Amino acid sequence: MSTKKKVIVTTTPRASQTAQRAKTPAVAPKNSVLIFGKSNYMLMLVGLALIAVGLMLMSGGAMPDPNTWDESLIYSRRRTLLGPAVILFGLVVEIVAIFKNPGLETPATEEVA
């Protein structure tokens, strides 16, 4: 009888591509470009302030006496026209702030050689 030695070959398992992605940290590169610029955020704050002012203009309307009805307090031009108009203007400012291209606010300087 001949005795043969058993040879055991071990290999290191290769990590799959998804396992390699899971190990890498999800950190943005240092030179990444932000979607919105400073002017976009300023316009967003202005739009939010306009919406808040419009809501304040529409508030109120309590009657001084519960037994009397005064249409001029509830259906005033401030509550029916001015307040909603200011809110709509604030929403338009918000839309402009979202769609404004931040790359257009700083003109590119060309170097002449």
PDB file of N, CA and C in Angstrom:
ATOM      1  N   MET A   1       0.796  -1.173   0.000  1.00  0.00           N
ATOM      2  CA  MET A   1       0.000   0.000   0.000  1.00  0.00           C
ATOM      3  C   MET A   1       0.847   1.249   0.000  1.00  0.00           C
ATOM      4  N   SER A   2       0.474   2.113  -0.843  1.00  0.00           N
ATOM      5  CA  SER A   2       1.227   3.346  -0.886  1.00  0.00           C
ATOM      6  C   SER A   2       0.466   4.425  -0.127  1.00  0.00           C
ATOM      7  N   THR A   3       1.188   5.160   0.581  1.00  0.00           N
ATOM      8  CA  THR A   3       0.546   6.236   1.335  1.00  0.00           C
ATOM      9  C   THR A   3       0.840   7.558   0.651  1.00  0.00           C
ATOM     10  N   LYS A   4      -0.223   8.234   0.331  1.00  0.00           N
ATOM     11  CA  LYS A   4      -0.081   9.541  -0.294  1.00  0.00           C
ATOM     12  C   LYS A   4      -0.463  10.606   0.718  1.00  0.00           C
ATOM     13  N   LYS A   5       0.280  11.649   0.667  1.00  0.00           N
ATOM     14  CA  LYS A   5      -0.027  12.753   1.552  1.00  0.00           C
ATOM     15  C   LYS A   5      -1.177  13.555   0.958  1.00  0.00           C
ATOM     16  N   LYS A   6      -2.052  13.966   1.834  1.00  0.00           N
ATOM     17  CA  LYS A   6      -3.144  14.821   1.392  1.00  0.00           C
ATOM     18  C   LYS A   6      -2.653  16.260   1.397  1.00  0.00           C
ATOM     19  N   VAL A   7      -2.907  16.931   0.328  1.00  0.00           N
ATOM     20  CA  VAL A   7      -2.508  18.326   0.207  1.00  0.00           C
ATOM     21  C   VAL A   7      -3.773  19.176   0.312  1.00  0.00           C
ATOM     22  N   ILE A   8      -3.746  20.081   1.240  1.00  0.00           N
ATOM     23  CA  ILE A   8      -4.882  20.982   1.426  1.00  0.00           C
ATOM     24  C   ILE A   8      -4.459  22.367   0.951  1.00  0.00           C
ATOM     25  N   VAL A   9      -5.196  22.882   0.001  1.00  0.00           N
ATOM     26  CA  VAL A   9      -4.901  24.196  -0.554  1.00  0.00           C
ATOM     27  C   VAL A   9      -5.948  25.172  -0.023  1.00  0.00           C
ATOM     28  N   THR A  10      -5.476  26.209   0.626  1.00  0.00           N
ATOM     29  CA  THR A  10      -6.407  27.225   1.131  1.00  0.00           C
ATOM     30  C   THR A  10      -6.227  28.497   0.324  1.00  0.00           C
ATOM     31  N   THR A  11      -7.328  29.090  -0.003  1.00  0.00           N
ATOM     32  CA  THR A  11      -7.284  30.354  -0.724  1.00  0.00           C
ATOM     33  C   THR A  11      -8.068  31.381   0.072  1.00  0.00           C
ATOM     34  N   THR A  12      -7.655  32.591  -0.076  1.00  0.00           N
ATOM     35  CA  THR A  12      -8.406  33.647   0.605  1.00  0.00           C
ATOM     36  C   THR A  12      -9.601  34.000  -0.267  1.00  0.00           C
ATOM     37  N   PRO A  13     -10.759  34.086   0.333  1.00  0.00           N
ATOM     38  CA  PRO A  13     -11.934  34.397  -0.484  1.00  0.00           C
ATOM     39  C   PRO A  13     -11.871  35.839  -0.969  1.00  0.00           C
ATOM     40  N   ARG A  14     -12.218  36.050  -2.201  1.00  0.00           N
ATOM     41  CA  ARG A  14     -12.233  37.392  -2.775  1.00  0.00           C
ATOM     42  C   ARG A  14     -13.533  38.073  -2.370  1.00  0.00           C
ATOM     43  N   ALA A  15     -13.399  39.287  -1.964  1.00  0.00           N
ATOM     44  CA  ALA A  15     -14.592  40.046  -1.587  1.00  0.00           C
ATOM     45  C   ALA A  15     -15.326  40.448  -2.861  1.00  0.00           C
ATOM     46  N   SER A  16     -16.624  40.317  -2.804  1.00  0.00           N
ATOM     47  CA  SER A  16     -17.411  40.715  -3.970  1.00  0.00           C
ATOM     48  C   SER A  16     -17.380  42.230  -4.109  1.00  0.00           C
ATOM     49  N   GLN A  17     -17.811  42.706  -5.240  1.00  0.00           N
ATOM     50  CA  GLN A  17     -17.763  44.138  -5.510  1.00  0.00           C
ATOM     51  C   GLN A  17     -18.674  44.907  -4.558  1.00  0.00           C
ATOM     52  N   THR A  18     -19.825  44.337  -4.222  1.00  0.00           N
ATOM     53  CA  THR A  18     -20.717  45.032  -3.306  1.00  0.00           C
ATOM     54  C   THR A  18     -20.142  45.070  -1.902  1.00  0.00           C
ATOM     55  N   ALA A  19     -19.405  44.040  -1.517  1.00  0.00           N
ATOM     56  CA  ALA A  19     -18.779  44.055  -0.199  1.00  0.00           C
ATOM     57  C   ALA A  19     -17.680  45.109  -0.140  1.00  0.00           C
ATOM     58  N   GLN A  20     -16.981  45.300  -1.244  1.00  0.00           N
ATOM     59  CA  GLN A  20     -15.952  46.334  -1.273  1.00  0.00           C
ATOM     60  C   GLN A  20     -16.583  47.712  -1.188  1.00  0.00           C
ATOM     61  N   ARG A  21     -17.714  47.904  -1.838  1.00  0.00           N
ATOM     62  CA  ARG A  21     -18.390  49.196  -1.751  1.00  0.00           C
ATOM     63  C   ARG A  21     -18.886  49.458  -0.342  1.00  0.00           C
ATOM     64  N   ALA A  22     -19.308  48.424   0.337  1.00  0.00           N
ATOM     65  CA  ALA A  22     -19.820  48.603   1.692  1.00  0.00           C
ATOM     66  C   ALA A  22     -18.704  49.014   2.644  1.00  0.00           C
ATOM     67  N   LYS A  23     -17.467  48.591   2.363  1.00  0.00           N
ATOM     68  CA  LYS A  23     -16.357  48.922   3.248  1.00  0.00           C
ATOM     69  C   LYS A  23     -15.854  50.347   3.040  1.00  0.00           C
ATOM     70  N   THR A  24     -16.036  50.889   1.848  1.00  0.00           N
ATOM     71  CA  THR A  24     -15.542  52.234   1.588  1.00  0.00           C
ATOM     72  C   THR A  24     -16.480  53.257   2.211  1.00  0.00           C
ATOM     73  N   PRO A  25     -15.948  54.262   2.856  1.00  0.00           N
ATOM     74  CA  PRO A  25     -16.815  55.270   3.477  1.00  0.00           C
ATOM     75  C   PRO A  25     -17.496  56.131   2.411  1.00  0.00           C
ATOM     76  N   ALA A  26     -18.703  56.510   2.711  1.00  0.00           N
ATOM     77  CA  ALA A  26     -19.478  57.326   1.766  1.00  0.00           C
ATOM     78  C   ALA A  26     -19.260  58.799   2.081  1.00  0.00           C
ATOM     79  N   VAL A  27     -18.061  59.280   1.822  1.00  0.00           N
ATOM     80  CA  VAL A  27     -17.707  60.667   2.081  1.00  0.00           C
ATOM     81  C   VAL A  27     -17.582  61.376   0.738  1.00  0.00           C
ATOM     82  N   ALA A  28     -18.151  62.549   0.661  1.00  0.00           N
ATOM     83  CA  ALA A  28     -18.080  63.319  -0.573  1.00  0.00           C
ATOM     84  C   ALA A  28     -16.643  63.780  -0.801  1.00  0.00           C
ATOM     85  N   PRO A  29     -16.237  63.872  -2.040  1.00  0.00           N
ATOM     86  CA  PRO A  29     -14.886  64.367  -2.299  1.00  0.00           C
ATOM     87  C   PRO A  29     -14.738  65.816  -1.840  1.00  0.00           C
ATOM     88  N   LYS A  30     -13.501  66.192  -1.541  1.00  0.00           N
ATOM     89  CA  LYS A  30     -13.249  67.528  -1.000  1.00  0.00           C
ATOM     90  C   LYS A  30     -13.593  68.640  -1.978  1.00  0.00           C
ATOM     91  N   ASN A  31     -13.431  68.402  -3.243  1.00  0.00           N
ATOM     92  CA  ASN A  31     -13.683  69.445  -4.224  1.00  0.00           C
ATOM     93  C   ASN A  31     -15.057  69.281  -4.872  1.00  0.00           C
ATOM     94  N   SER A  32     -16.038  68.869  -4.085  1.00  0.00           N
ATOM     95  CA  SER A  32     -17.386  68.737  -4.637  1.00  0.00           C
ATOM     96  C   SER A  32     -18.061  70.104  -4.698  1.00  0.00           C
ATOM     97  N   VAL A  33     -18.964  70.245  -5.623  1.00  0.00           N
ATOM     98  CA  VAL A  33     -19.654  71.507  -5.837  1.00  0.00           C
ATOM     99  C   VAL A  33     -21.034  71.416  -5.213  1.00  0.00           C
ATOM    100  N   LEU A  34     -21.402  72.431  -4.433  1.00  0.00           N
ATOM    101  CA  LEU A  34     -22.721  72.450  -3.827  1.00  0.00           C
ATOM    102  C   LEU A  34     -23.775  72.782  -4.876  1.00  0.00           C
ATOM    103  N   ILE A  35     -24.973  72.284  -4.652  1.00  0.00           N
ATOM    104  CA  ILE A  35     -26.047  72.516  -5.617  1.00  0.00           C
ATOM    105  C   ILE A  35     -26.507  73.962  -5.564  1.00  0.00           C
ATOM    106  N   PHE A  36     -26.687  74.489  -4.353  1.00  0.00           N
ATOM    107  CA  PHE A  36     -27.160  75.857  -4.180  1.00  0.00           C
ATOM    108  C   PHE A  36     -26.019  76.746  -3.719  1.00  0.00           C
ATOM    109  N   GLY A  37     -26.059  77.987  -4.165  1.00  0.00           N
ATOM    110  CA  GLY A  37     -25.081  78.973  -3.723  1.00  0.00           C
ATOM    111  C   GLY A  37     -25.658  79.849  -2.623  1.00  0.00           C
ATOM    112  N   LYS A  38     -24.877  80.830  -2.204  1.00  0.00           N
ATOM    113  CA  LYS A  38     -25.311  81.722  -1.131  1.00  0.00           C
ATOM    114  C   LYS A  38     -26.548  82.516  -1.538  1.00  0.00           C
ATOM    115  N   SER A  39     -26.596  82.962  -2.775  1.00  0.00           N
ATOM    116  CA  SER A  39     -27.745  83.750  -3.221  1.00  0.00           C
ATOM    117  C   SER A  39     -29.019  82.905  -3.246  1.00  0.00           C
ATOM    118  N   ASN A  40     -28.880  81.600  -3.546  1.00  0.00           N
ATOM    119  CA  ASN A  40     -30.057  80.728  -3.516  1.00  0.00           C
ATOM    120  C   ASN A  40     -30.644  80.652  -2.113  1.00  0.00           C
ATOM    121  N   TYR A  41     -29.779  80.484  -1.123  1.00  0.00           N
ATOM    122  CA  TYR A  41     -30.257  80.382   0.259  1.00  0.00           C
ATOM    123  C   TYR A  41     -30.850  81.709   0.740  1.00  0.00           C
ATOM    124  N   MET A  42     -30.250  82.817   0.312  1.00  0.00           N
ATOM    125  CA  MET A  42     -30.800  84.116   0.702  1.00  0.00           C
ATOM    126  C   MET A  42     -32.189  84.318   0.106  1.00  0.00           C
ATOM    127  N   LEU A  43     -32.361  83.935  -1.160  1.00  0.00           N
ATOM    128  CA  LEU A  43     -33.675  84.049  -1.788  1.00  0.00           C
ATOM    129  C   LEU A  43     -34.692  83.132  -1.113  1.00  0.00           C
ATOM    130  N   MET A  44     -34.252  81.959  -0.681  1.00  0.00           N
ATOM    131  CA  MET A  44     -35.159  81.053   0.030  1.00  0.00           C
ATOM    132  C   MET A  44     -35.624  81.662   1.350  1.00  0.00           C
ATOM    133  N   LEU A  45     -34.701  82.309   2.056  1.00  0.00           N
ATOM    134  CA  LEU A  45     -35.078  82.952   3.319  1.00  0.00           C
ATOM    135  C   LEU A  45     -36.034  84.125   3.074  1.00  0.00           C
ATOM    136  N   VAL A  46     -35.800  84.883   2.010  1.00  0.00           N
ATOM    137  CA  VAL A  46     -36.700  85.991   1.677  1.00  0.00           C
ATOM    138  C   VAL A  46     -38.086  85.445   1.338  1.00  0.00           C
ATOM    139  N   GLY A  47     -38.137  84.365   0.569  1.00  0.00           N
ATOM    140  CA  GLY A  47     -39.414  83.760   0.222  1.00  0.00           C
ATOM    141  C   GLY A  47     -40.156  83.250   1.447  1.00  0.00           C
ATOM    142  N   LEU A  48     -39.439  82.617   2.362  1.00  0.00           N
ATOM    143  CA  LEU A  48     -40.071  82.150   3.606  1.00  0.00           C
ATOM    144  C   LEU A  48     -40.590  83.316   4.441  1.00  0.00           C
ATOM    145  N   ALA A  49     -39.826  84.400   4.479  1.00  0.00           N
ATOM    146  CA  ALA A  49     -40.272  85.573   5.227  1.00  0.00           C
ATOM    147  C   ALA A  49     -41.524  86.179   4.599  1.00  0.00           C
ATOM    148  N   LEU A  50     -41.586  86.217   3.268  1.00  0.00           N
ATOM    149  CA  LEU A  50     -42.773  86.744   2.598  1.00  0.00           C
ATOM    150  C   LEU A  50     -43.997  85.872   2.863  1.00  0.00           C
ATOM    151  N   ILE A  51     -43.812  84.561   2.862  1.00  0.00           N
ATOM    152  CA  ILE A  51     -44.927  83.664   3.156  1.00  0.00           C
ATOM    153  C   ILE A  51     -45.415  83.875   4.585  1.00  0.00           C
ATOM    154  N   ALA A  52     -44.478  84.033   5.518  1.00  0.00           N
ATOM    155  CA  ALA A  52     -44.862  84.268   6.915  1.00  0.00           C
ATOM    156  C   ALA A  52     -45.599  85.602   7.070  1.00  0.00           C
ATOM    157  N   VAL A  53     -45.137  86.639   6.371  1.00  0.00           N
ATOM    158  CA  VAL A  53     -45.813  87.940   6.442  1.00  0.00           C
ATOM    159  C   VAL A  53     -47.216  87.836   5.850  1.00  0.00           C
ATOM    160  N   GLY A  54     -47.363  87.104   4.759  1.00  0.00           N
ATOM    161  CA  GLY A  54     -48.677  86.919   4.159  1.00  0.00           C
ATOM    162  C   GLY A  54     -49.634  86.187   5.090  1.00  0.00           C
ATOM    163  N   LEU A  55     -49.138  85.189   5.800  1.00  0.00           N
ATOM    164  CA  LEU A  55     -49.981  84.481   6.764  1.00  0.00           C
ATOM    165  C   LEU A  55     -50.382  85.386   7.926  1.00  0.00           C
ATOM    166  N   MET A  56     -49.460  86.247   8.345  1.00  0.00           N
ATOM    167  CA  MET A  56     -49.812  87.191   9.415  1.00  0.00           C
ATOM    168  C   MET A  56     -50.848  88.206   8.943  1.00  0.00           C
ATOM    169  N   LEU A  57     -50.741  88.627   7.682  1.00  0.00           N
ATOM    170  CA  LEU A  57     -51.728  89.566   7.148  1.00  0.00           C
ATOM    171  C   LEU A  57     -53.121  88.938   7.069  1.00  0.00           C
ATOM    172  N   MET A  58     -53.177  87.639   6.863  1.00  0.00           N
ATOM    173  CA  MET A  58     -54.473  86.972   6.766  1.00  0.00           C
ATOM    174  C   MET A  58     -55.056  86.596   8.128  1.00  0.00           C
ATOM    175  N   SER A  59     -54.265  86.677   9.178  1.00  0.00           N
ATOM    176  CA  SER A  59     -54.758  86.252  10.489  1.00  0.00           C
ATOM    177  C   SER A  59     -55.673  87.311  11.099  1.00  0.00           C
ATOM    178  N   GLY A  60     -56.331  86.935  12.160  1.00  0.00           N
ATOM    179  CA  GLY A  60     -57.211  87.862  12.878  1.00  0.00           C
ATOM    180  C   GLY A  60     -58.650  87.691  12.461  1.00  0.00           C
ATOM    181  N   GLY A  61     -59.449  88.713  12.699  1.00  0.00           N
ATOM    182  CA  GLY A  61     -60.847  88.691  12.305  1.00  0.00           C
ATOM    183  C   GLY A  61     -61.797  88.380  13.439  1.00  0.00           C
ATOM    184  N   ALA A  62     -61.310  88.452  14.659  1.00  0.00           N
ATOM    185  CA  ALA A  62     -62.191  88.181  15.798  1.00  0.00           C
ATOM    186  C   ALA A  62     -63.120  89.372  16.008  1.00  0.00           C
ATOM    187  N   MET A  63     -64.358  89.076  16.283  1.00  0.00           N
ATOM    188  CA  MET A  63     -65.351  90.124  16.526  1.00  0.00           C
ATOM    189  C   MET A  63     -65.196  90.663  17.942  1.00  0.00           C
ATOM    190  N   PRO A  64     -65.298  91.979  18.121  1.00  0.00           N
ATOM    191  CA  PRO A  64     -65.194  92.530  19.474  1.00  0.00           C
ATOM    192  C   PRO A  64     -66.396  92.124  20.338  1.00  0.00           C
ATOM    193  N   ASP A  65     -67.537  91.984  19.705  1.00  0.00           N
ATOM    194  CA  ASP A  65     -68.747  91.581  20.433  1.00  0.00           C
ATOM    195  C   ASP A  65     -69.304  90.329  19.750  1.00  0.00           C
ATOM    196  N   PRO A  66     -69.505  89.221  20.471  1.00  0.00           N
ATOM    197  CA  PRO A  66     -69.992  88.001  19.828  1.00  0.00           C
ATOM    198  C   PRO A  66     -71.426  88.116  19.310  1.00  0.00           C
ATOM    199  N   ASN A  67     -72.164  89.125  19.717  1.00  0.00           N
ATOM    200  CA  ASN A  67     -73.545  89.273  19.281  1.00  0.00           C
ATOM    201  C   ASN A  67     -73.688  90.098  18.006  1.00  0.00           C
ATOM    202  N   THR A  68     -72.606  90.720  17.529  1.00  0.00           N
ATOM    203  CA  THR A  68     -72.684  91.536  16.317  1.00  0.00           C
ATOM    204  C   THR A  68     -71.812  90.930  15.223  1.00  0.00           C
ATOM    205  N   TRP A  69     -72.199  91.179  13.993  1.00  0.00           N
ATOM    206  CA  TRP A  69     -71.462  90.687  12.826  1.00  0.00           C
ATOM    207  C   TRP A  69     -70.974  91.889  12.035  1.00  0.00           C
ATOM    208  N   ASP A  70     -69.666  91.969  11.867  1.00  0.00           N
ATOM    209  CA  ASP A  70     -69.081  93.080  11.126  1.00  0.00           C
ATOM    210  C   ASP A  70     -68.294  92.504   9.942  1.00  0.00           C
ATOM    211  N   GLU A  71     -68.836  92.677   8.737  1.00  0.00           N
ATOM    212  CA  GLU A  71     -68.185  92.131   7.539  1.00  0.00           C
ATOM    213  C   GLU A  71     -66.858  92.811   7.242  1.00  0.00           C
ATOM    214  N   SER A  72     -66.713  94.044   7.636  1.00  0.00           N
ATOM    215  CA  SER A  72     -65.475  94.759   7.325  1.00  0.00           C
ATOM    216  C   SER A  72     -64.275  94.170   8.063  1.00  0.00           C
ATOM    217  N   LEU A  73     -64.486  93.479   9.180  1.00  0.00           N
ATOM    218  CA  LEU A  73     -63.372  92.849   9.893  1.00  0.00           C
ATOM    219  C   LEU A  73     -62.925  91.561   9.212  1.00  0.00           C
ATOM    220  N   ILE A  74     -63.862  90.775   8.715  1.00  0.00           N
ATOM    221  CA  ILE A  74     -63.507  89.492   8.126  1.00  0.00           C
ATOM    222  C   ILE A  74     -63.157  89.624   6.654  1.00  0.00           C
ATOM    223  N   TYR A  75     -63.947  90.364   5.911  1.00  0.00           N
ATOM    224  CA  TYR A  75     -63.749  90.460   4.471  1.00  0.00           C
ATOM    225  C   TYR A  75     -63.018  91.740   4.084  1.00  0.00           C
ATOM    226  N   SER A  76     -62.003  92.109   4.822  1.00  0.00           N
ATOM    227  CA  SER A  76     -61.232  93.309   4.482  1.00  0.00           C
ATOM    228  C   SER A  76     -60.271  92.989   3.333  1.00  0.00           C
ATOM    229  N   ARG A  77     -59.830  94.033   2.659  1.00  0.00           N
ATOM    230  CA  ARG A  77     -58.909  93.848   1.533  1.00  0.00           C
ATOM    231  C   ARG A  77     -57.569  93.273   2.007  1.00  0.00           C
ATOM    232  N   ARG A  78     -57.194  93.568   3.216  1.00  0.00           N
ATOM    233  CA  ARG A  78     -55.937  93.039   3.750  1.00  0.00           C
ATOM    234  C   ARG A  78     -55.989  91.510   3.830  1.00  0.00           C
ATOM    235  N   ARG A  79     -57.112  90.950   4.270  1.00  0.00           N
ATOM    236  CA  ARG A  79     -57.229  89.509   4.438  1.00  0.00           C
ATOM    237  C   ARG A  79     -57.577  88.789   3.147  1.00  0.00           C
ATOM    238  N   THR A  80     -58.294  89.421   2.250  1.00  0.00           N
ATOM    239  CA  THR A  80     -58.742  88.723   1.045  1.00  0.00           C
ATOM    240  C   THR A  80     -57.847  88.951  -0.168  1.00  0.00           C
ATOM    241  N   LEU A  81     -57.138  90.063  -0.226  1.00  0.00           N
ATOM    242  CA  LEU A  81     -56.294  90.350  -1.392  1.00  0.00           C
ATOM    243  C   LEU A  81     -54.811  90.452  -1.059  1.00  0.00           C
ATOM    244  N   LEU A  82     -54.477  91.272  -0.083  1.00  0.00           N
ATOM    245  CA  LEU A  82     -53.071  91.549   0.197  1.00  0.00           C
ATOM    246  C   LEU A  82     -52.341  90.323   0.758  1.00  0.00           C
ATOM    247  N   GLY A  83     -52.939  89.649   1.743  1.00  0.00           N
ATOM    248  CA  GLY A  83     -52.300  88.470   2.345  1.00  0.00           C
ATOM    249  C   GLY A  83     -52.032  87.359   1.340  1.00  0.00           C
ATOM    250  N   PRO A  84     -53.055  86.909   0.576  1.00  0.00           N
ATOM    251  CA  PRO A  84     -52.788  85.868  -0.431  1.00  0.00           C
ATOM    252  C   PRO A  84     -51.826  86.305  -1.525  1.00  0.00           C
ATOM    253  N   ALA A  85     -51.859  87.582  -1.910  1.00  0.00           N
ATOM    254  CA  ALA A  85     -50.927  88.064  -2.932  1.00  0.00           C
ATOM    255  C   ALA A  85     -49.488  88.001  -2.427  1.00  0.00           C
ATOM    256  N   VAL A  86     -49.269  88.354  -1.170  1.00  0.00           N
ATOM    257  CA  VAL A  86     -47.913  88.297  -0.600  1.00  0.00           C
ATOM    258  C   VAL A  86     -47.455  86.845  -0.503  1.00  0.00           C
ATOM    259  N   ILE A  87     -48.358  85.929  -0.155  1.00  0.00           N
ATOM    260  CA  ILE A  87     -47.995  84.507  -0.080  1.00  0.00           C
ATOM    261  C   ILE A  87     -47.624  83.984  -1.469  1.00  0.00           C
ATOM    262  N   LEU A  88     -48.406  84.322  -2.479  1.00  0.00           N
ATOM    263  CA  LEU A  88     -48.088  83.884  -3.848  1.00  0.00           C
ATOM    264  C   LEU A  88     -46.759  84.458  -4.321  1.00  0.00           C
ATOM    265  N   PHE A  89     -46.487  85.713  -3.987  1.00  0.00           N
ATOM    266  CA  PHE A  89     -45.202  86.306  -4.350  1.00  0.00           C
ATOM    267  C   PHE A  89     -44.053  85.581  -3.645  1.00  0.00           C
ATOM    268  N   GLY A  90     -44.270  85.208  -2.379  1.00  0.00           N
ATOM    269  CA  GLY A  90     -43.251  84.440  -1.656  1.00  0.00           C
ATOM    270  C   GLY A  90     -43.003  83.081  -2.290  1.00  0.00           C
ATOM    271  N   LEU A  91     -44.059  82.427  -2.786  1.00  0.00           N
ATOM    272  CA  LEU A  91     -43.891  81.146  -3.460  1.00  0.00           C
ATOM    273  C   LEU A  91     -43.145  81.306  -4.778  1.00  0.00           C
ATOM    274  N   VAL A  92     -43.389  82.393  -5.487  1.00  0.00           N
ATOM    275  CA  VAL A  92     -42.660  82.659  -6.725  1.00  0.00           C
ATOM    276  C   VAL A  92     -41.175  82.881  -6.425  1.00  0.00           C
ATOM    277  N   VAL A  93     -40.888  83.597  -5.347  1.00  0.00           N
ATOM    278  CA  VAL A  93     -39.485  83.814  -4.949  1.00  0.00           C
ATOM    279  C   VAL A  93     -38.830  82.474  -4.597  1.00  0.00           C
ATOM    280  N   GLU A  94     -39.549  81.585  -3.944  1.00  0.00           N
ATOM    281  CA  GLU A  94     -39.010  80.259  -3.608  1.00  0.00           C
ATOM    282  C   GLU A  94     -38.690  79.470  -4.885  1.00  0.00           C
ATOM    283  N   ILE A  95     -39.568  79.521  -5.862  1.00  0.00           N
ATOM    284  CA  ILE A  95     -39.332  78.793  -7.113  1.00  0.00           C
ATOM    285  C   ILE A  95     -38.119  79.364  -7.833  1.00  0.00           C
ATOM    286  N   VAL A  96     -37.993  80.679  -7.851  1.00  0.00           N
ATOM    287  CA  VAL A  96     -36.823  81.303  -8.474  1.00  0.00           C
ATOM    288  C   VAL A  96     -35.549  80.901  -7.734  1.00  0.00           C
ATOM    289  N   ALA A  97     -35.614  80.843  -6.404  1.00  0.00           N
ATOM    290  CA  ALA A  97     -34.434  80.463  -5.615  1.00  0.00           C
ATOM    291  C   ALA A  97     -34.017  79.028  -5.900  1.00  0.00           C
ATOM    292  N   ILE A  98     -34.980  78.153  -6.145  1.00  0.00           N
ATOM    293  CA  ILE A  98     -34.640  76.758  -6.418  1.00  0.00           C
ATOM    294  C   ILE A  98     -34.037  76.600  -7.810  1.00  0.00           C
ATOM    295  N   PHE A  99     -34.604  77.290  -8.795  1.00  0.00           N
ATOM    296  CA  PHE A  99     -34.151  77.104 -10.166  1.00  0.00           C
ATOM    297  C   PHE A  99     -33.014  78.017 -10.590  1.00  0.00           C
ATOM    298  N   LYS A 100     -32.606  78.947  -9.743  1.00  0.00           N
ATOM    299  CA  LYS A 100     -31.510  79.847 -10.103  1.00  0.00           C
ATOM    300  C   LYS A 100     -30.206  79.066 -10.144  1.00  0.00           C
ATOM    301  N   ASN A 101     -29.431  79.295 -11.182  1.00  0.00           N
ATOM    302  CA  ASN A 101     -28.165  78.605 -11.352  1.00  0.00           C
ATOM    303  C   ASN A 101     -27.093  79.331 -10.542  1.00  0.00           C
ATOM    304  N   PRO A 102     -26.496  78.660  -9.540  1.00  0.00           N
ATOM    305  CA  PRO A 102     -25.491  79.352  -8.727  1.00  0.00           C
ATOM    306  C   PRO A 102     -24.207  79.638  -9.491  1.00  0.00           C
ATOM    307  N   GLY A 103     -23.979  78.995 -10.610  1.00  0.00           N
ATOM    308  CA  GLY A 103     -22.771  79.234 -11.398  1.00  0.00           C
ATOM    309  C   GLY A 103     -22.794  80.566 -12.112  1.00  0.00           C
ATOM    310  N   LEU A 104     -23.941  81.175 -12.241  1.00  0.00           N
ATOM    311  CA  LEU A 104     -24.046  82.438 -12.964  1.00  0.00           C
ATOM    312  C   LEU A 104     -23.719  83.650 -12.093  1.00  0.00           C
ATOM    313  N   GLU A 105     -23.640  83.466 -10.776  1.00  0.00           N
ATOM    314  CA  GLU A 105     -23.422  84.632  -9.912  1.00  0.00           C
ATOM    315  C   GLU A 105     -21.981  85.092  -9.881  1.00  0.00           C
ATOM    316  N   THR A 106     -21.020  84.236 -10.198  1.00  0.00           N
ATOM    317  CA  THR A 106     -19.619  84.651 -10.250  1.00  0.00           C
ATOM    318  C   THR A 106     -19.142  84.483 -11.686  1.00  0.00           C
ATOM    319  N   PRO A 107     -18.832  85.581 -12.361  1.00  0.00           N
ATOM    320  CA  PRO A 107     -18.369  85.459 -13.749  1.00  0.00           C
ATOM    321  C   PRO A 107     -17.003  84.813 -13.806  1.00  0.00           C
ATOM    322  N   ALA A 108     -16.813  84.004 -14.819  1.00  0.00           N
ATOM    323  CA  ALA A 108     -15.538  83.312 -14.990  1.00  0.00           C
ATOM    324  C   ALA A 108     -14.497  84.295 -15.494  1.00  0.00           C
ATOM    325  N   THR A 109     -13.348  84.277 -14.855  1.00  0.00           N
ATOM    326  CA  THR A 109     -12.263  85.178 -15.296  1.00  0.00           C
ATOM    327  C   THR A 109     -11.346  84.373 -16.196  1.00  0.00           C
ATOM    328  N   GLU A 110     -11.094  84.923 -17.364  1.00  0.00           N
ATOM    329  CA  GLU A 110     -10.214  84.250 -18.329  1.00  0.00           C
ATOM    330  C   GLU A 110      -8.833  84.865 -18.256  1.00  0.00           C
ATOM    331  N   GLU A 111      -7.838  84.011 -18.234  1.00  0.00           N
ATOM    332  CA  GLU A 111      -6.463  84.474 -18.208  1.00  0.00           C
ATOM    333  C   GLU A 111      -5.976  84.605 -19.645  1.00  0.00           C
ATOM    334  N   VAL A 112      -5.436  85.738 -19.936  1.00  0.00           N
ATOM    335  CA  VAL A 112      -4.891  85.974 -21.278  1.00  0.00           C
ATOM    336  C   VAL A 112      -3.410  85.674 -21.227  1.00  0.00           C
ATOM    337  N   ALA A 113      -2.957  84.778 -22.093  1.00  0.00           N
ATOM    338  CA  ALA A 113      -1.549  84.390 -22.078  1.00  0.00           C
ATOM    339  C   ALA A 113      -0.726  85.246 -22.977  1.00  0.00           C
TER     340      ALA A 113
END
